[in-house]
């Protein structure tokens, strides 16, 4: 993934900002796919999306069975999507 498309800070919890791309949806899905295979928690900000669109994403992702093993939430105060692999008990 080109560095200019995804800014990553060096934190224990990966904090990403998706910018400068026409394919923000694709970049977010890639990070979500990565989260399915590791134990890290992701905090992702998507620049240029309206709050309404972010809430739409939040509800849509929860309806897609592919993401059942992902804990996925939109945090409006932080303006980030927070997600991680859901542990099976």
N, C-alpha and C. Protein backbone atom coordinates (compact mmCIF):
# COMPACT_ATOMS: atom_id res chain seq x y z
N UNK A 1 0.86 -1.17 0.00
CA UNK A 1 0.00 0.00 0.00
C UNK A 1 0.91 1.24 0.00
N UNK A 2 0.74 2.14 -0.94
CA UNK A 2 1.60 3.33 -0.99
C UNK A 2 1.50 4.15 0.28
N UNK A 3 2.63 4.61 0.75
CA UNK A 3 2.74 5.35 2.01
C UNK A 3 1.87 6.62 2.00
N UNK A 4 1.77 7.29 0.85
CA UNK A 4 1.00 8.54 0.80
C UNK A 4 -0.50 8.32 0.91
N UNK A 5 -0.95 7.09 0.70
CA UNK A 5 -2.38 6.79 0.79
C UNK A 5 -2.80 6.43 2.20
N UNK A 6 -1.86 5.97 3.00
CA UNK A 6 -2.19 5.49 4.32
C UNK A 6 -1.13 5.97 5.30
N UNK A 7 -1.52 6.87 6.18
CA UNK A 7 -0.60 7.37 7.18
C UNK A 7 -0.75 6.52 8.44
N UNK A 8 0.35 5.99 8.93
CA UNK A 8 0.31 5.14 10.11
C UNK A 8 1.22 5.72 11.18
N UNK A 9 0.69 5.89 12.37
CA UNK A 9 1.49 6.33 13.50
C UNK A 9 2.02 5.09 14.20
N UNK A 10 3.14 5.21 14.87
CA UNK A 10 3.74 4.07 15.55
C UNK A 10 3.17 3.96 16.96
N UNK A 11 2.05 3.27 17.09
CA UNK A 11 1.38 3.05 18.37
C UNK A 11 1.18 1.57 18.56
N UNK A 12 0.90 1.18 19.79
CA UNK A 12 0.54 -0.20 20.07
C UNK A 12 -0.72 -0.56 19.28
N UNK A 13 -1.70 0.34 19.31
CA UNK A 13 -2.89 0.17 18.50
C UNK A 13 -2.65 0.89 17.18
N UNK A 14 -2.70 0.16 16.06
CA UNK A 14 -2.49 0.83 14.78
C UNK A 14 -3.53 1.92 14.55
N UNK A 15 -3.08 3.13 14.33
CA UNK A 15 -3.96 4.24 14.05
C UNK A 15 -3.69 4.67 12.62
N UNK A 16 -4.71 4.60 11.81
CA UNK A 16 -4.56 4.87 10.38
C UNK A 16 -5.47 6.01 9.97
N UNK A 17 -5.01 6.77 8.99
CA UNK A 17 -5.85 7.77 8.34
C UNK A 17 -5.80 7.49 6.85
N UNK A 18 -6.95 7.24 6.28
CA UNK A 18 -7.03 6.97 4.85
C UNK A 18 -7.33 8.29 4.15
N UNK A 19 -6.40 8.71 3.28
CA UNK A 19 -6.53 9.99 2.58
C UNK A 19 -6.06 9.83 1.14
N UNK A 20 -6.29 10.85 0.36
CA UNK A 20 -5.71 10.97 -0.98
C UNK A 20 -5.95 9.77 -1.88
N UNK A 21 -7.13 9.22 -1.86
CA UNK A 21 -7.41 8.10 -2.75
C UNK A 21 -8.88 8.11 -3.14
N UNK A 22 -9.16 7.63 -4.32
CA UNK A 22 -10.55 7.50 -4.77
C UNK A 22 -11.17 6.22 -4.23
N UNK A 23 -10.33 5.35 -3.69
CA UNK A 23 -10.79 4.03 -3.28
C UNK A 23 -10.70 3.86 -1.76
N UNK A 24 -11.27 4.79 -1.03
CA UNK A 24 -11.21 4.74 0.43
C UNK A 24 -11.91 3.50 0.96
N UNK A 25 -12.99 3.09 0.31
CA UNK A 25 -13.71 1.88 0.71
C UNK A 25 -12.79 0.67 0.63
N UNK A 26 -12.04 0.58 -0.45
CA UNK A 26 -11.14 -0.55 -0.68
C UNK A 26 -10.03 -0.56 0.37
N UNK A 27 -9.48 0.61 0.67
CA UNK A 27 -8.42 0.70 1.67
C UNK A 27 -8.93 0.28 3.05
N UNK A 28 -10.15 0.67 3.39
CA UNK A 28 -10.73 0.29 4.67
C UNK A 28 -10.97 -1.22 4.72
N UNK A 29 -11.48 -1.79 3.64
CA UNK A 29 -11.70 -3.24 3.58
C UNK A 29 -10.38 -3.99 3.72
N UNK A 30 -9.31 -3.48 3.13
CA UNK A 30 -8.01 -4.14 3.28
C UNK A 30 -7.58 -4.18 4.74
N UNK A 31 -7.74 -3.08 5.44
CA UNK A 31 -7.38 -3.05 6.86
C UNK A 31 -8.28 -3.99 7.67
N UNK A 32 -9.55 -4.03 7.33
CA UNK A 32 -10.47 -4.94 8.02
C UNK A 32 -10.07 -6.39 7.77
N UNK A 33 -9.66 -6.70 6.56
CA UNK A 33 -9.20 -8.05 6.23
C UNK A 33 -7.95 -8.40 7.03
N UNK A 34 -7.03 -7.44 7.14
CA UNK A 34 -5.83 -7.64 7.95
C UNK A 34 -6.21 -7.93 9.40
N UNK A 35 -7.21 -7.22 9.90
CA UNK A 35 -7.63 -7.39 11.30
C UNK A 35 -8.20 -8.78 11.56
N UNK A 36 -8.73 -9.42 10.54
CA UNK A 36 -9.26 -10.78 10.72
C UNK A 36 -8.16 -11.81 10.98
N UNK A 37 -6.92 -11.46 10.65
CA UNK A 37 -5.83 -12.43 10.77
C UNK A 37 -4.83 -12.09 11.87
N UNK A 38 -5.10 -11.06 12.66
CA UNK A 38 -4.19 -10.75 13.77
C UNK A 38 -5.00 -10.29 14.98
N UNK A 39 -4.32 -10.00 16.07
CA UNK A 39 -5.01 -9.67 17.32
C UNK A 39 -4.98 -8.19 17.65
N UNK A 40 -4.48 -7.37 16.75
CA UNK A 40 -4.39 -5.93 17.01
C UNK A 40 -5.76 -5.27 16.89
N UNK A 41 -5.91 -4.17 17.61
CA UNK A 41 -7.09 -3.32 17.47
C UNK A 41 -6.74 -2.19 16.51
N UNK A 42 -7.62 -1.90 15.58
CA UNK A 42 -7.39 -0.85 14.59
C UNK A 42 -8.28 0.34 14.88
N UNK A 43 -7.72 1.53 14.80
CA UNK A 43 -8.47 2.78 14.86
C UNK A 43 -8.20 3.47 13.53
N UNK A 44 -9.25 3.64 12.73
CA UNK A 44 -9.07 4.14 11.37
C UNK A 44 -9.96 5.35 11.13
N UNK A 45 -9.35 6.44 10.70
CA UNK A 45 -10.08 7.64 10.31
C UNK A 45 -10.09 7.69 8.78
N UNK A 46 -11.26 7.97 8.23
CA UNK A 46 -11.40 8.10 6.77
C UNK A 46 -11.75 9.55 6.47
N UNK A 47 -10.80 10.27 5.91
CA UNK A 47 -11.02 11.68 5.57
C UNK A 47 -11.96 11.79 4.37
N UNK A 48 -12.83 12.77 4.41
CA UNK A 48 -13.69 13.06 3.27
C UNK A 48 -15.03 12.35 3.27
N UNK A 49 -15.28 11.50 4.23
CA UNK A 49 -16.58 10.84 4.33
C UNK A 49 -17.46 11.59 5.31
N UNK A 50 -18.72 11.73 4.98
CA UNK A 50 -19.67 12.38 5.88
C UNK A 50 -19.97 11.45 7.06
N UNK A 51 -20.43 12.02 8.14
CA UNK A 51 -20.81 11.23 9.32
C UNK A 51 -21.92 10.25 8.95
N UNK A 52 -22.85 10.68 8.13
CA UNK A 52 -23.94 9.81 7.71
C UNK A 52 -23.41 8.59 6.96
N UNK A 53 -22.43 8.80 6.08
CA UNK A 53 -21.86 7.69 5.33
C UNK A 53 -21.11 6.73 6.25
N UNK A 54 -20.45 7.28 7.26
CA UNK A 54 -19.73 6.43 8.22
C UNK A 54 -20.71 5.58 9.02
N UNK A 55 -21.84 6.16 9.43
CA UNK A 55 -22.86 5.37 10.12
C UNK A 55 -23.44 4.31 9.20
N UNK A 56 -23.59 4.65 7.91
CA UNK A 56 -24.07 3.68 6.92
C UNK A 56 -23.09 2.49 6.84
N UNK A 57 -21.81 2.78 6.78
CA UNK A 57 -20.79 1.73 6.76
C UNK A 57 -20.90 0.88 8.01
N UNK A 58 -21.02 1.51 9.15
CA UNK A 58 -21.11 0.80 10.43
C UNK A 58 -22.24 -0.22 10.41
N UNK A 59 -23.41 0.19 9.96
CA UNK A 59 -24.55 -0.73 9.96
C UNK A 59 -24.45 -1.77 8.85
N UNK A 60 -23.92 -1.39 7.70
CA UNK A 60 -23.80 -2.32 6.58
C UNK A 60 -22.82 -3.44 6.88
N UNK A 61 -21.68 -3.11 7.46
CA UNK A 61 -20.66 -4.12 7.77
C UNK A 61 -21.23 -5.18 8.71
N UNK A 62 -22.04 -4.75 9.65
CA UNK A 62 -22.61 -5.69 10.62
C UNK A 62 -23.62 -6.65 9.99
N UNK A 63 -24.11 -6.33 8.80
CA UNK A 63 -25.06 -7.18 8.10
C UNK A 63 -24.40 -8.17 7.13
N UNK A 64 -23.09 -8.08 6.97
CA UNK A 64 -22.38 -8.93 6.02
C UNK A 64 -21.67 -10.05 6.79
N UNK A 65 -22.03 -11.28 6.49
CA UNK A 65 -21.54 -12.42 7.27
C UNK A 65 -20.02 -12.59 7.22
N UNK A 66 -19.38 -12.11 6.17
CA UNK A 66 -17.92 -12.19 6.08
C UNK A 66 -17.23 -11.51 7.26
N UNK A 67 -17.90 -10.52 7.84
CA UNK A 67 -17.31 -9.73 8.93
C UNK A 67 -17.80 -10.16 10.31
N UNK A 68 -18.44 -11.31 10.41
CA UNK A 68 -18.95 -11.78 11.70
C UNK A 68 -17.85 -11.95 12.75
N UNK A 69 -16.63 -12.25 12.33
CA UNK A 69 -15.53 -12.43 13.27
C UNK A 69 -14.77 -11.14 13.55
N UNK A 70 -15.39 -10.03 13.21
CA UNK A 70 -14.77 -8.73 13.43
C UNK A 70 -15.67 -7.89 14.33
N UNK A 71 -15.11 -7.38 15.40
CA UNK A 71 -15.82 -6.41 16.23
C UNK A 71 -15.61 -5.06 15.55
N UNK A 72 -16.68 -4.42 15.10
CA UNK A 72 -16.58 -3.21 14.28
C UNK A 72 -17.52 -2.15 14.83
N UNK A 73 -16.97 -0.98 15.15
CA UNK A 73 -17.77 0.13 15.69
C UNK A 73 -17.28 1.45 15.11
N UNK A 74 -18.21 2.36 14.88
CA UNK A 74 -17.87 3.73 14.52
C UNK A 74 -17.96 4.57 15.78
N UNK A 75 -16.89 5.30 16.10
CA UNK A 75 -16.85 6.18 17.26
C UNK A 75 -16.98 7.62 16.77
N UNK A 76 -18.17 8.22 16.91
CA UNK A 76 -18.36 9.57 16.36
C UNK A 76 -17.54 10.64 17.08
N UNK A 77 -17.25 10.46 18.35
CA UNK A 77 -16.44 11.46 19.08
C UNK A 77 -15.02 11.51 18.55
N UNK A 78 -14.44 10.35 18.30
CA UNK A 78 -13.08 10.28 17.77
C UNK A 78 -13.06 10.31 16.24
N UNK A 79 -14.25 10.17 15.63
CA UNK A 79 -14.39 10.12 14.17
C UNK A 79 -13.54 9.00 13.57
N UNK A 80 -13.59 7.82 14.22
CA UNK A 80 -12.82 6.68 13.76
C UNK A 80 -13.67 5.42 13.74
N UNK A 81 -13.26 4.50 12.89
CA UNK A 81 -13.77 3.14 12.94
C UNK A 81 -12.80 2.36 13.82
N UNK A 82 -13.32 1.63 14.78
CA UNK A 82 -12.50 0.82 15.67
C UNK A 82 -12.90 -0.63 15.47
N UNK A 83 -11.93 -1.46 15.16
CA UNK A 83 -12.25 -2.85 14.91
C UNK A 83 -11.09 -3.76 15.26
N UNK A 84 -11.45 -5.02 15.53
CA UNK A 84 -10.47 -6.05 15.83
C UNK A 84 -11.11 -7.41 15.63
N UNK A 85 -10.27 -8.42 15.57
CA UNK A 85 -10.74 -9.79 15.42
C UNK A 85 -11.51 -10.19 16.68
N UNK A 86 -12.66 -10.78 16.49
CA UNK A 86 -13.49 -11.22 17.61
C UNK A 86 -13.00 -12.60 18.05
N UNK A 87 -12.69 -12.71 19.32
CA UNK A 87 -12.25 -14.00 19.86
C UNK A 87 -13.43 -14.94 19.99
N UNK A 88 -13.22 -16.17 19.61
CA UNK A 88 -14.24 -17.20 19.79
C UNK A 88 -14.03 -17.87 21.14
N UNK A 89 -15.07 -17.91 21.94
CA UNK A 89 -14.95 -18.52 23.27
C UNK A 89 -15.34 -19.97 23.25
